[in-house]
Amino acid sequence: MRHRKSGRQLNRNSSHRKAMFKNMANSLILHETIKTTLPKAKELRRVIEPLITRAKADSVANRRHIFSKLRDDAMVAKLFTQLGPFYQDRPGGYIRILKAGFRTGDKAPMALVQLVDFEGQEEVVVAPKKEAKTEAPKKEAKTEAPKKEAKTEAPKKEAKTEAPKKEAKTEAPKKEAKTEAPKKES
């Protein structure tokens, strides 16, 4: 029996759990919001909140400890340069778990995991530019696509008409060569 043993097994062995939470923590730090199942989200809280608490005090020992948990230099840098200073005055509760219905395949309860009140400065600036760029080429691509198809159809028809002519030309010399060869033999 598992009396008084903390932590959910999540039907995984310990190395799989460790790798899964490392990946989820890196994704949460990078994207600031992720979608996962509710039990995984509740366990992720136990992984990510101590890391953010350590990131409040920037020291070599803290950086090495967090790197041993995450194994990603970029995420460690983001923790110490952005998240740690942002949550300096907050005593805990750095993530929010919002229930997000049930997954269609197996009806597993889903949840959104978000960093509380944190919006990355870089991503907020970049997001509107990407939307403007992606909308304009999509409209152009839709209008250009029929034109390209019309252009590609015309050369295909020409190629089809040229191909039989070449075959006819090549067939005639072959017949002559065949007729000449038996004459020489006999």
N, C-alpha and C. Protein backbone atom coordinates (compact mmCIF):
# COMPACT_ATOMS: atom_id res chain seq x y z
N MET A 1 0.84 -1.18 0.00
CA MET A 1 0.00 0.00 0.00
C MET A 1 0.88 1.25 0.00
N ARG A 2 0.34 2.34 -0.55
CA ARG A 2 1.12 3.57 -0.69
C ARG A 2 0.76 4.59 0.38
N HIS A 3 0.49 4.18 1.57
CA HIS A 3 0.12 5.14 2.60
C HIS A 3 1.27 6.10 2.87
N ARG A 4 0.92 7.38 3.00
CA ARG A 4 1.85 8.45 3.37
C ARG A 4 2.97 8.65 2.34
N LYS A 5 2.72 8.30 1.10
CA LYS A 5 3.70 8.56 0.04
C LYS A 5 3.16 9.68 -0.83
N SER A 6 3.92 10.75 -0.95
CA SER A 6 3.43 11.93 -1.67
C SER A 6 3.74 11.83 -3.15
N GLY A 7 2.96 12.52 -3.94
CA GLY A 7 3.18 12.57 -5.39
C GLY A 7 2.38 11.53 -6.13
N ARG A 8 1.91 11.92 -7.29
CA ARG A 8 1.13 11.00 -8.14
C ARG A 8 2.07 10.22 -9.03
N GLN A 9 1.74 8.94 -9.27
CA GLN A 9 2.58 8.13 -10.15
C GLN A 9 2.27 8.41 -11.61
N LEU A 10 1.04 8.70 -11.95
CA LEU A 10 0.61 9.01 -13.32
C LEU A 10 0.92 7.88 -14.29
N ASN A 11 0.90 6.64 -13.80
CA ASN A 11 1.16 5.44 -14.61
C ASN A 11 2.49 5.51 -15.36
N ARG A 12 3.51 6.07 -14.72
CA ARG A 12 4.84 6.18 -15.32
C ARG A 12 5.88 5.78 -14.29
N ASN A 13 7.03 5.32 -14.79
CA ASN A 13 8.11 5.05 -13.84
C ASN A 13 8.80 6.38 -13.50
N SER A 14 9.72 6.35 -12.57
CA SER A 14 10.27 7.59 -12.03
C SER A 14 11.06 8.37 -13.08
N SER A 15 11.81 7.70 -13.95
CA SER A 15 12.59 8.42 -14.95
C SER A 15 11.68 9.08 -15.98
N HIS A 16 10.59 8.40 -16.34
CA HIS A 16 9.64 8.98 -17.29
C HIS A 16 8.95 10.20 -16.67
N ARG A 17 8.56 10.10 -15.40
CA ARG A 17 7.93 11.24 -14.71
C ARG A 17 8.89 12.42 -14.65
N LYS A 18 10.13 12.15 -14.31
CA LYS A 18 11.12 13.22 -14.19
C LYS A 18 11.33 13.93 -15.53
N ALA A 19 11.46 13.15 -16.60
CA ALA A 19 11.65 13.74 -17.93
C ALA A 19 10.40 14.52 -18.36
N MET A 20 9.22 13.97 -18.06
CA MET A 20 7.98 14.63 -18.46
C MET A 20 7.84 15.98 -17.76
N PHE A 21 8.11 16.03 -16.46
CA PHE A 21 7.97 17.30 -15.74
C PHE A 21 9.06 18.29 -16.12
N LYS A 22 10.23 17.79 -16.50
CA LYS A 22 11.28 18.68 -17.00
C LYS A 22 10.82 19.34 -18.29
N ASN A 23 10.24 18.55 -19.20
CA ASN A 23 9.74 19.11 -20.46
C ASN A 23 8.59 20.07 -20.23
N MET A 24 7.68 19.71 -19.34
CA MET A 24 6.53 20.58 -19.07
C MET A 24 6.97 21.89 -18.43
N ALA A 25 7.94 21.83 -17.52
CA ALA A 25 8.44 23.04 -16.88
C ALA A 25 9.12 23.96 -17.90
N ASN A 26 9.92 23.37 -18.79
CA ASN A 26 10.56 24.17 -19.84
C ASN A 26 9.51 24.81 -20.76
N SER A 27 8.48 24.05 -21.11
CA SER A 27 7.43 24.60 -21.98
C SER A 27 6.67 25.72 -21.28
N LEU A 28 6.40 25.55 -20.00
CA LEU A 28 5.69 26.59 -19.25
C LEU A 28 6.51 27.86 -19.17
N ILE A 29 7.80 27.74 -18.93
CA ILE A 29 8.66 28.92 -18.85
C ILE A 29 8.74 29.60 -20.22
N LEU A 30 8.83 28.80 -21.27
CA LEU A 30 8.96 29.36 -22.61
C LEU A 30 7.67 30.01 -23.09
N HIS A 31 6.56 29.29 -23.02
CA HIS A 31 5.30 29.77 -23.59
C HIS A 31 4.40 30.50 -22.60
N GLU A 32 4.69 30.37 -21.32
CA GLU A 32 3.95 31.02 -20.23
C GLU A 32 2.54 30.49 -20.04
N THR A 33 2.09 29.63 -20.91
CA THR A 33 0.80 28.96 -20.72
C THR A 33 0.85 27.64 -21.48
N ILE A 34 0.40 26.56 -20.86
CA ILE A 34 0.35 25.26 -21.53
C ILE A 34 -0.97 24.58 -21.19
N LYS A 35 -1.34 23.60 -22.00
CA LYS A 35 -2.56 22.84 -21.77
C LYS A 35 -2.16 21.39 -21.52
N THR A 36 -2.65 20.82 -20.43
CA THR A 36 -2.33 19.45 -20.06
C THR A 36 -3.48 18.88 -19.25
N THR A 37 -3.33 17.66 -18.79
CA THR A 37 -4.39 17.08 -17.97
C THR A 37 -4.34 17.66 -16.56
N LEU A 38 -5.44 17.61 -15.88
CA LEU A 38 -5.54 18.22 -14.55
C LEU A 38 -4.58 17.60 -13.53
N PRO A 39 -4.46 16.27 -13.43
CA PRO A 39 -3.51 15.72 -12.46
C PRO A 39 -2.06 16.10 -12.76
N LYS A 40 -1.68 16.14 -14.04
CA LYS A 40 -0.32 16.56 -14.38
C LYS A 40 -0.10 18.02 -14.02
N ALA A 41 -1.12 18.85 -14.23
CA ALA A 41 -1.01 20.27 -13.92
C ALA A 41 -0.81 20.47 -12.42
N LYS A 42 -1.53 19.70 -11.62
CA LYS A 42 -1.39 19.84 -10.17
C LYS A 42 -0.02 19.37 -9.69
N GLU A 43 0.54 18.37 -10.34
CA GLU A 43 1.88 17.91 -9.97
C GLU A 43 2.95 18.87 -10.49
N LEU A 44 2.69 19.50 -11.63
CA LEU A 44 3.66 20.46 -12.19
C LEU A 44 3.85 21.63 -11.24
N ARG A 45 2.81 21.99 -10.52
CA ARG A 45 2.92 23.07 -9.54
C ARG A 45 4.03 22.78 -8.52
N ARG A 46 4.13 21.51 -8.12
CA ARG A 46 5.15 21.13 -7.13
C ARG A 46 6.56 21.17 -7.72
N VAL A 47 6.68 21.18 -9.04
CA VAL A 47 7.99 21.22 -9.69
C VAL A 47 8.41 22.65 -9.97
N ILE A 48 7.51 23.46 -10.52
CA ILE A 48 7.89 24.77 -11.05
C ILE A 48 7.97 25.85 -9.97
N GLU A 49 7.13 25.79 -8.96
CA GLU A 49 7.13 26.87 -7.97
C GLU A 49 8.42 26.94 -7.15
N PRO A 50 9.02 25.83 -6.73
CA PRO A 50 10.32 25.96 -6.05
C PRO A 50 11.41 26.52 -6.96
N LEU A 51 11.33 26.25 -8.26
CA LEU A 51 12.33 26.79 -9.18
C LEU A 51 12.21 28.31 -9.28
N ILE A 52 10.98 28.81 -9.35
CA ILE A 52 10.79 30.26 -9.43
C ILE A 52 11.22 30.92 -8.12
N THR A 53 10.95 30.27 -7.00
CA THR A 53 11.37 30.82 -5.71
C THR A 53 12.89 30.92 -5.65
N ARG A 54 13.59 29.92 -6.14
CA ARG A 54 15.06 29.96 -6.17
C ARG A 54 15.55 31.03 -7.13
N ALA A 55 14.82 31.28 -8.20
CA ALA A 55 15.26 32.25 -9.21
C ALA A 55 15.18 33.68 -8.70
N LYS A 56 14.54 33.91 -7.56
CA LYS A 56 14.47 35.26 -7.00
C LYS A 56 15.85 35.74 -6.55
N ALA A 57 16.68 34.83 -6.06
CA ALA A 57 18.03 35.18 -5.61
C ALA A 57 19.02 34.66 -6.65
N ASP A 58 19.63 35.57 -7.39
CA ASP A 58 20.55 35.18 -8.46
C ASP A 58 21.92 34.88 -7.88
N SER A 59 22.28 33.61 -7.91
CA SER A 59 23.62 33.20 -7.48
C SER A 59 24.06 32.03 -8.35
N VAL A 60 25.33 31.75 -8.33
CA VAL A 60 25.87 30.66 -9.13
C VAL A 60 25.28 29.33 -8.66
N ALA A 61 25.17 29.16 -7.35
CA ALA A 61 24.63 27.91 -6.81
C ALA A 61 23.18 27.71 -7.25
N ASN A 62 22.38 28.77 -7.18
CA ASN A 62 20.98 28.67 -7.61
C ASN A 62 20.88 28.39 -9.10
N ARG A 63 21.72 29.04 -9.89
CA ARG A 63 21.69 28.78 -11.34
C ARG A 63 22.06 27.33 -11.64
N ARG A 64 23.05 26.80 -10.95
CA ARG A 64 23.46 25.41 -11.18
C ARG A 64 22.39 24.44 -10.73
N HIS A 65 21.74 24.73 -9.62
CA HIS A 65 20.68 23.85 -9.12
C HIS A 65 19.51 23.81 -10.11
N ILE A 66 19.09 24.98 -10.58
CA ILE A 66 17.98 25.03 -11.53
C ILE A 66 18.37 24.41 -12.86
N PHE A 67 19.62 24.60 -13.29
CA PHE A 67 20.06 23.97 -14.53
C PHE A 67 20.05 22.45 -14.40
N SER A 68 20.35 21.93 -13.22
CA SER A 68 20.32 20.47 -13.02
C SER A 68 18.90 19.93 -13.14
N LYS A 69 17.90 20.76 -12.84
CA LYS A 69 16.51 20.33 -12.95
C LYS A 69 15.97 20.50 -14.37
N LEU A 70 16.35 21.58 -15.08
CA LEU A 70 15.77 21.90 -16.38
C LEU A 70 16.64 21.47 -17.57
N ARG A 71 17.94 21.53 -17.43
CA ARG A 71 18.90 21.17 -18.49
C ARG A 71 18.70 22.01 -19.76
N ASP A 72 18.41 23.30 -19.58
CA ASP A 72 18.24 24.19 -20.73
C ASP A 72 18.72 25.59 -20.34
N ASP A 73 19.79 26.04 -20.98
CA ASP A 73 20.40 27.33 -20.64
C ASP A 73 19.45 28.50 -20.86
N ALA A 74 18.69 28.46 -21.94
CA ALA A 74 17.80 29.57 -22.26
C ALA A 74 16.70 29.71 -21.21
N MET A 75 16.18 28.59 -20.73
CA MET A 75 15.11 28.65 -19.73
C MET A 75 15.66 29.12 -18.38
N VAL A 76 16.88 28.71 -18.06
CA VAL A 76 17.50 29.18 -16.81
C VAL A 76 17.72 30.69 -16.90
N ALA A 77 18.19 31.16 -18.04
CA ALA A 77 18.40 32.60 -18.21
C ALA A 77 17.09 33.36 -18.09
N LYS A 78 16.02 32.84 -18.68
CA LYS A 78 14.73 33.52 -18.60
C LYS A 78 14.22 33.53 -17.16
N LEU A 79 14.42 32.44 -16.43
CA LEU A 79 13.99 32.40 -15.03
C LEU A 79 14.68 33.49 -14.22
N PHE A 80 16.00 33.63 -14.40
CA PHE A 80 16.73 34.58 -13.56
C PHE A 80 16.63 36.02 -14.05
N THR A 81 16.41 36.25 -15.34
CA THR A 81 16.36 37.63 -15.83
C THR A 81 14.95 38.20 -15.86
N GLN A 82 13.93 37.34 -16.09
CA GLN A 82 12.58 37.86 -16.21
C GLN A 82 11.66 37.41 -15.08
N LEU A 83 11.55 36.11 -14.88
CA LEU A 83 10.57 35.61 -13.90
C LEU A 83 10.97 35.92 -12.46
N GLY A 84 12.23 35.69 -12.10
CA GLY A 84 12.68 35.93 -10.72
C GLY A 84 12.44 37.37 -10.27
N PRO A 85 12.93 38.36 -11.04
CA PRO A 85 12.68 39.75 -10.64
C PRO A 85 11.20 40.13 -10.66
N PHE A 86 10.42 39.56 -11.59
CA PHE A 86 9.00 39.89 -11.67
C PHE A 86 8.25 39.43 -10.43
N TYR A 87 8.58 38.24 -9.93
CA TYR A 87 7.88 37.67 -8.77
C TYR A 87 8.62 37.94 -7.45
N GLN A 88 9.51 38.93 -7.43
CA GLN A 88 10.32 39.20 -6.25
C GLN A 88 9.48 39.46 -4.99
N ASP A 89 8.39 40.19 -5.12
CA ASP A 89 7.57 40.56 -3.96
C ASP A 89 6.46 39.56 -3.69
N ARG A 90 6.28 38.57 -4.53
CA ARG A 90 5.19 37.61 -4.37
C ARG A 90 5.69 36.44 -3.51
N PRO A 91 4.99 36.08 -2.45
CA PRO A 91 5.47 35.03 -1.56
C PRO A 91 5.24 33.60 -2.05
N GLY A 92 4.56 33.41 -3.16
CA GLY A 92 4.30 32.06 -3.67
C GLY A 92 3.09 32.10 -4.58
N GLY A 93 2.68 30.95 -5.08
CA GLY A 93 1.51 30.90 -5.96
C GLY A 93 1.79 31.54 -7.29
N TYR A 94 2.82 31.06 -7.98
CA TYR A 94 3.24 31.68 -9.23
C TYR A 94 2.47 31.18 -10.44
N ILE A 95 1.80 30.05 -10.31
CA ILE A 95 1.05 29.54 -11.46
C ILE A 95 -0.43 29.42 -11.13
N ARG A 96 -1.23 29.46 -12.17
CA ARG A 96 -2.68 29.36 -12.06
C ARG A 96 -3.11 28.15 -12.88
N ILE A 97 -4.01 27.35 -12.32
CA ILE A 97 -4.54 26.19 -13.02
C ILE A 97 -6.02 26.42 -13.27
N LEU A 98 -6.40 26.47 -14.54
CA LEU A 98 -7.79 26.68 -14.93
C LEU A 98 -8.31 25.41 -15.58
N LYS A 99 -9.46 24.94 -15.13
CA LYS A 99 -10.04 23.75 -15.74
C LYS A 99 -10.53 24.09 -17.14
N ALA A 100 -10.26 23.17 -18.09
CA ALA A 100 -10.56 23.46 -19.49
C ALA A 100 -11.39 22.35 -20.13
N GLY A 101 -12.34 21.82 -19.41
CA GLY A 101 -13.22 20.81 -19.99
C GLY A 101 -12.60 19.43 -20.03
N PHE A 102 -13.06 18.62 -20.97
CA PHE A 102 -12.61 17.25 -21.07
C PHE A 102 -12.09 16.98 -22.48
N ARG A 103 -11.07 16.15 -22.57
CA ARG A 103 -10.49 15.78 -23.86
C ARG A 103 -11.47 14.90 -24.62
N THR A 104 -11.55 15.11 -25.93
CA THR A 104 -12.57 14.41 -26.71
C THR A 104 -12.30 12.91 -26.82
N GLY A 105 -11.07 12.49 -26.87
CA GLY A 105 -10.77 11.08 -27.08
C GLY A 105 -11.10 10.20 -25.90
N ASP A 106 -10.67 10.59 -24.70
CA ASP A 106 -10.83 9.71 -23.54
C ASP A 106 -11.52 10.40 -22.36
N LYS A 107 -12.03 11.59 -22.56
CA LYS A 107 -12.74 12.34 -21.51
C LYS A 107 -11.85 12.63 -20.30
N ALA A 108 -10.55 12.77 -20.53
CA ALA A 108 -9.65 13.14 -19.44
C ALA A 108 -9.86 14.62 -19.10
N PRO A 109 -9.89 14.98 -17.83
CA PRO A 109 -10.06 16.39 -17.47
C PRO A 109 -8.83 17.19 -17.86
N MET A 110 -9.03 18.26 -18.62
CA MET A 110 -7.93 19.09 -19.11
C MET A 110 -7.84 20.37 -18.30
N ALA A 111 -6.64 20.98 -18.33
CA ALA A 111 -6.42 22.21 -17.57
C ALA A 111 -5.43 23.09 -18.31
N LEU A 112 -5.59 24.40 -18.14
CA LEU A 112 -4.62 25.38 -18.62
C LEU A 112 -3.75 25.77 -17.45
N VAL A 113 -2.45 25.75 -17.65
CA VAL A 113 -1.49 26.16 -16.61
C VAL A 113 -0.86 27.45 -17.09
N GLN A 114 -0.97 28.52 -16.29
CA GLN A 114 -0.47 29.83 -16.68
C GLN A 114 0.39 30.41 -15.58
N LEU A 115 1.36 31.23 -15.96
CA LEU A 115 2.09 32.01 -14.99
C LEU A 115 1.21 33.18 -14.58
N VAL A 116 1.07 33.43 -13.30
CA VAL A 116 0.16 34.45 -12.79
C VAL A 116 0.68 35.84 -13.12
N ASP A 117 -0.15 36.66 -13.75
CA ASP A 117 0.10 38.08 -14.03
C ASP A 117 1.34 38.33 -14.88
N PHE A 118 1.95 37.31 -15.44
CA PHE A 118 3.19 37.52 -16.20
C PHE A 118 2.89 37.46 -17.68
N GLU A 119 3.28 38.50 -18.38
CA GLU A 119 3.20 38.52 -19.84
C GLU A 119 4.57 38.96 -20.33
N GLY A 120 5.24 38.10 -21.06
CA GLY A 120 6.57 38.41 -21.56
C GLY A 120 6.56 39.64 -22.45
N GLN A 121 7.50 40.55 -22.21
CA GLN A 121 7.53 41.79 -22.99
C GLN A 121 7.83 41.50 -24.45
N GLU A 122 8.70 40.55 -24.72
CA GLU A 122 9.08 40.27 -26.10
C GLU A 122 7.91 39.71 -26.90
N GLU A 123 7.17 38.79 -26.32
CA GLU A 123 6.10 38.13 -27.06
C GLU A 123 4.93 39.07 -27.33
N VAL A 124 4.64 40.00 -26.42
CA VAL A 124 3.54 40.92 -26.62
C VAL A 124 3.83 41.82 -27.82
N VAL A 125 5.07 42.22 -28.00
CA VAL A 125 5.44 43.09 -29.10
C VAL A 125 5.44 42.31 -30.41
N VAL A 126 5.92 41.08 -30.39
CA VAL A 126 6.07 40.28 -31.60
C VAL A 126 4.73 39.79 -32.13
N ALA A 127 3.78 39.46 -31.26
CA ALA A 127 2.52 38.84 -31.68
C ALA A 127 1.74 39.68 -32.71
N PRO A 128 1.52 40.99 -32.52
CA PRO A 128 0.76 41.74 -33.53
C PRO A 128 1.48 41.79 -34.88
N LYS A 129 2.80 41.84 -34.90
CA LYS A 129 3.53 41.89 -36.16
C LYS A 129 3.33 40.59 -36.92
N LYS A 130 3.38 39.46 -36.24
CA LYS A 130 3.21 38.17 -36.91
C LYS A 130 1.82 38.05 -37.51
N GLU A 131 0.80 38.53 -36.81
CA GLU A 131 -0.56 38.45 -37.31
C GLU A 131 -0.72 39.28 -38.57
N ALA A 132 -0.15 40.48 -38.58
CA ALA A 132 -0.27 41.34 -39.75
C ALA A 132 0.44 40.72 -40.94
N LYS A 133 1.60 40.11 -40.72
CA LYS A 133 2.35 39.50 -41.80
C LYS A 133 1.64 38.26 -42.33
N THR A 134 1.08 37.47 -41.45
CA THR A 134 0.47 36.22 -41.89
C THR A 134 -0.86 36.47 -42.60
N GLU A 135 -1.57 37.52 -42.25
CA GLU A 135 -2.85 37.78 -42.90
C GLU A 135 -2.65 38.24 -44.34
N ALA A 136 -1.70 39.14 -44.57
CA ALA A 136 -1.50 39.67 -45.91
C ALA A 136 -1.05 38.59 -46.90
N PRO A 137 -0.03 37.77 -46.59
CA PRO A 137 0.36 36.75 -47.57
C PRO A 137 -0.73 35.72 -47.82
N LYS A 138 -1.55 35.40 -46.84
CA LYS A 138 -2.61 34.43 -47.06
C LYS A 138 -3.58 34.93 -48.11
N LYS A 139 -3.94 36.21 -48.05
CA LYS A 139 -4.87 36.77 -49.03
C LYS A 139 -4.22 36.76 -50.41
N GLU A 140 -2.94 37.14 -50.48
CA GLU A 140 -2.25 37.15 -51.76
C GLU A 140 -2.10 35.74 -52.30
N ALA A 141 -1.79 34.80 -51.41
CA ALA A 141 -1.61 33.42 -51.85
C ALA A 141 -2.90 32.87 -52.43
N LYS A 142 -4.03 33.23 -51.87
CA LYS A 142 -5.30 32.74 -52.39
C LYS A 142 -5.58 33.31 -53.77
N THR A 143 -5.22 34.56 -53.99
CA THR A 143 -5.46 35.16 -55.30
C THR A 143 -4.43 34.69 -56.32
N GLU A 144 -3.22 34.41 -55.89
CA GLU A 144 -2.18 33.97 -56.81
C GLU A 144 -2.34 32.51 -57.18
N ALA A 145 -2.87 31.70 -56.33
CA ALA A 145 -2.96 30.27 -56.57
C ALA A 145 -3.70 29.92 -57.85
N PRO A 146 -4.88 30.48 -58.14
CA PRO A 146 -5.55 30.14 -59.40
C PRO A 146 -4.74 30.57 -60.61
N LYS A 147 -4.03 31.68 -60.54
CA LYS A 147 -3.23 32.13 -61.66
C LYS A 147 -2.11 31.13 -61.94
N LYS A 148 -1.46 30.65 -60.90
CA LYS A 148 -0.37 29.69 -61.07
C LYS A 148 -0.91 28.39 -61.66
N GLU A 149 -2.08 27.97 -61.23
CA GLU A 149 -2.65 26.74 -61.75
C GLU A 149 -2.96 26.89 -63.24
N ALA A 150 -3.48 28.04 -63.64
CA ALA A 150 -3.80 28.27 -65.04
C ALA A 150 -2.51 28.25 -65.87
N LYS A 151 -1.44 28.82 -65.35
CA LYS A 151 -0.17 28.83 -66.07
C LYS A 151 0.40 27.42 -66.20
N THR A 152 0.28 26.64 -65.15
CA THR A 152 0.86 25.31 -65.19
C THR A 152 0.03 24.36 -66.06
N GLU A 153 -1.24 24.61 -66.22
CA GLU A 153 -2.08 23.75 -67.05
C GLU A 153 -1.74 23.92 -68.52
N ALA A 154 -1.49 25.12 -68.99
CA ALA A 154 -1.20 25.36 -70.40
C ALA A 154 0.08 24.63 -70.84
N PRO A 155 1.21 24.71 -70.14
CA PRO A 155 2.40 24.00 -70.58
C PRO A 155 2.19 22.48 -70.56
N LYS A 156 1.38 21.96 -69.66
CA LYS A 156 1.13 20.53 -69.63
C LYS A 156 0.45 20.08 -70.91
N LYS A 157 -0.50 20.86 -71.40
CA LYS A 157 -1.20 20.51 -72.63
C LYS A 157 -0.23 20.53 -73.81
N GLU A 158 0.64 21.53 -73.87
CA GLU A 158 1.63 21.61 -74.94
C GLU A 158 2.57 20.42 -74.88
N ALA A 159 2.98 20.05 -73.69
CA ALA A 159 3.89 18.93 -73.55
C ALA A 159 3.23 17.65 -74.02
N LYS A 160 1.95 17.48 -73.77
CA LYS A 160 1.23 16.29 -74.21
C LYS A 160 1.15 16.24 -75.74
N THR A 161 0.95 17.39 -76.37
CA THR A 161 0.86 17.40 -77.83
C THR A 161 2.22 17.18 -78.46
N GLU A 162 3.28 17.63 -77.83
CA GLU A 162 4.62 17.44 -78.36
C GLU A 162 5.07 16.00 -78.22
N ALA A 163 4.72 15.35 -77.16
CA ALA A 163 5.20 14.00 -76.90
C ALA A 163 4.81 13.01 -77.99
N PRO A 164 3.57 12.96 -78.47
CA PRO A 164 3.25 12.01 -79.54
C PRO A 164 4.02 12.29 -80.82
N LYS A 165 4.30 13.52 -81.14
CA LYS A 165 5.06 13.85 -82.34
C LYS A 165 6.46 13.26 -82.25
N LYS A 166 7.08 13.40 -81.08
CA LYS A 166 8.43 12.85 -80.91
C LYS A 166 8.40 11.34 -81.03
N GLU A 167 7.38 10.71 -80.47
CA GLU A 167 7.27 9.26 -80.55
C GLU A 167 7.11 8.82 -81.99
N ALA A 168 6.33 9.54 -82.74
CA ALA A 168 6.13 9.18 -84.14
C ALA A 168 7.43 9.29 -84.91
N LYS A 169 8.21 10.33 -84.64
CA LYS A 169 9.49 10.52 -85.32
C LYS A 169 10.47 9.41 -84.95
N THR A 170 10.47 9.02 -83.70
CA THR A 170 11.42 7.99 -83.29
C THR A 170 11.00 6.62 -83.79
N GLU A 171 9.72 6.41 -83.99
CA GLU A 171 9.25 5.11 -84.46
C GLU A 171 9.64 4.87 -85.91
N ALA A 172 9.60 5.88 -86.72
CA ALA A 172 9.91 5.72 -88.14
C ALA A 172 11.36 5.26 -88.38
N PRO A 173 12.36 5.86 -87.76
CA PRO A 173 13.72 5.38 -87.99
C PRO A 173 13.93 3.96 -87.45
N LYS A 174 13.27 3.59 -86.38
CA LYS A 174 13.42 2.25 -85.83
C LYS A 174 12.91 1.22 -86.83
N LYS A 175 11.79 1.49 -87.50
CA LYS A 175 11.24 0.55 -88.48
C LYS A 175 12.21 0.40 -89.64
N GLU A 176 12.79 1.48 -90.08
CA GLU A 176 13.74 1.42 -91.18
C GLU A 176 14.95 0.61 -90.79
N ALA A 177 15.42 0.84 -89.54
CA ALA A 177 16.59 0.11 -89.08
C ALA A 177 16.29 -1.37 -88.99
N LYS A 178 15.09 -1.73 -88.58
CA LYS A 178 14.71 -3.14 -88.46
C LYS A 178 14.60 -3.77 -89.84
N THR A 179 14.09 -3.03 -90.76
CA THR A 179 13.95 -3.60 -92.10
C THR A 179 15.31 -3.73 -92.79
N GLU A 180 16.21 -2.83 -92.50
CA GLU A 180 17.54 -2.89 -93.11
C GLU A 180 18.34 -4.04 -92.52
N ALA A 181 18.21 -4.27 -91.21
CA ALA A 181 19.01 -5.29 -90.55
C ALA A 181 18.71 -6.69 -91.13
N PRO A 182 17.44 -7.08 -91.30
CA PRO A 182 17.20 -8.39 -91.87
C PRO A 182 17.69 -8.51 -93.31
N LYS A 183 17.67 -7.44 -94.07
CA LYS A 183 18.14 -7.49 -95.45
C LYS A 183 19.61 -7.81 -95.52
N LYS A 184 20.39 -7.24 -94.59
CA LYS A 184 21.83 -7.47 -94.57
C LYS A 184 22.14 -8.91 -94.20
N GLU A 185 21.35 -9.46 -93.30
CA GLU A 185 21.58 -10.84 -92.86
C GLU A 185 21.26 -11.82 -93.95
N SER A 186 20.23 -11.57 -94.73
CA SER A 186 19.85 -12.55 -95.72
C SER A 186 20.56 -12.38 -97.00
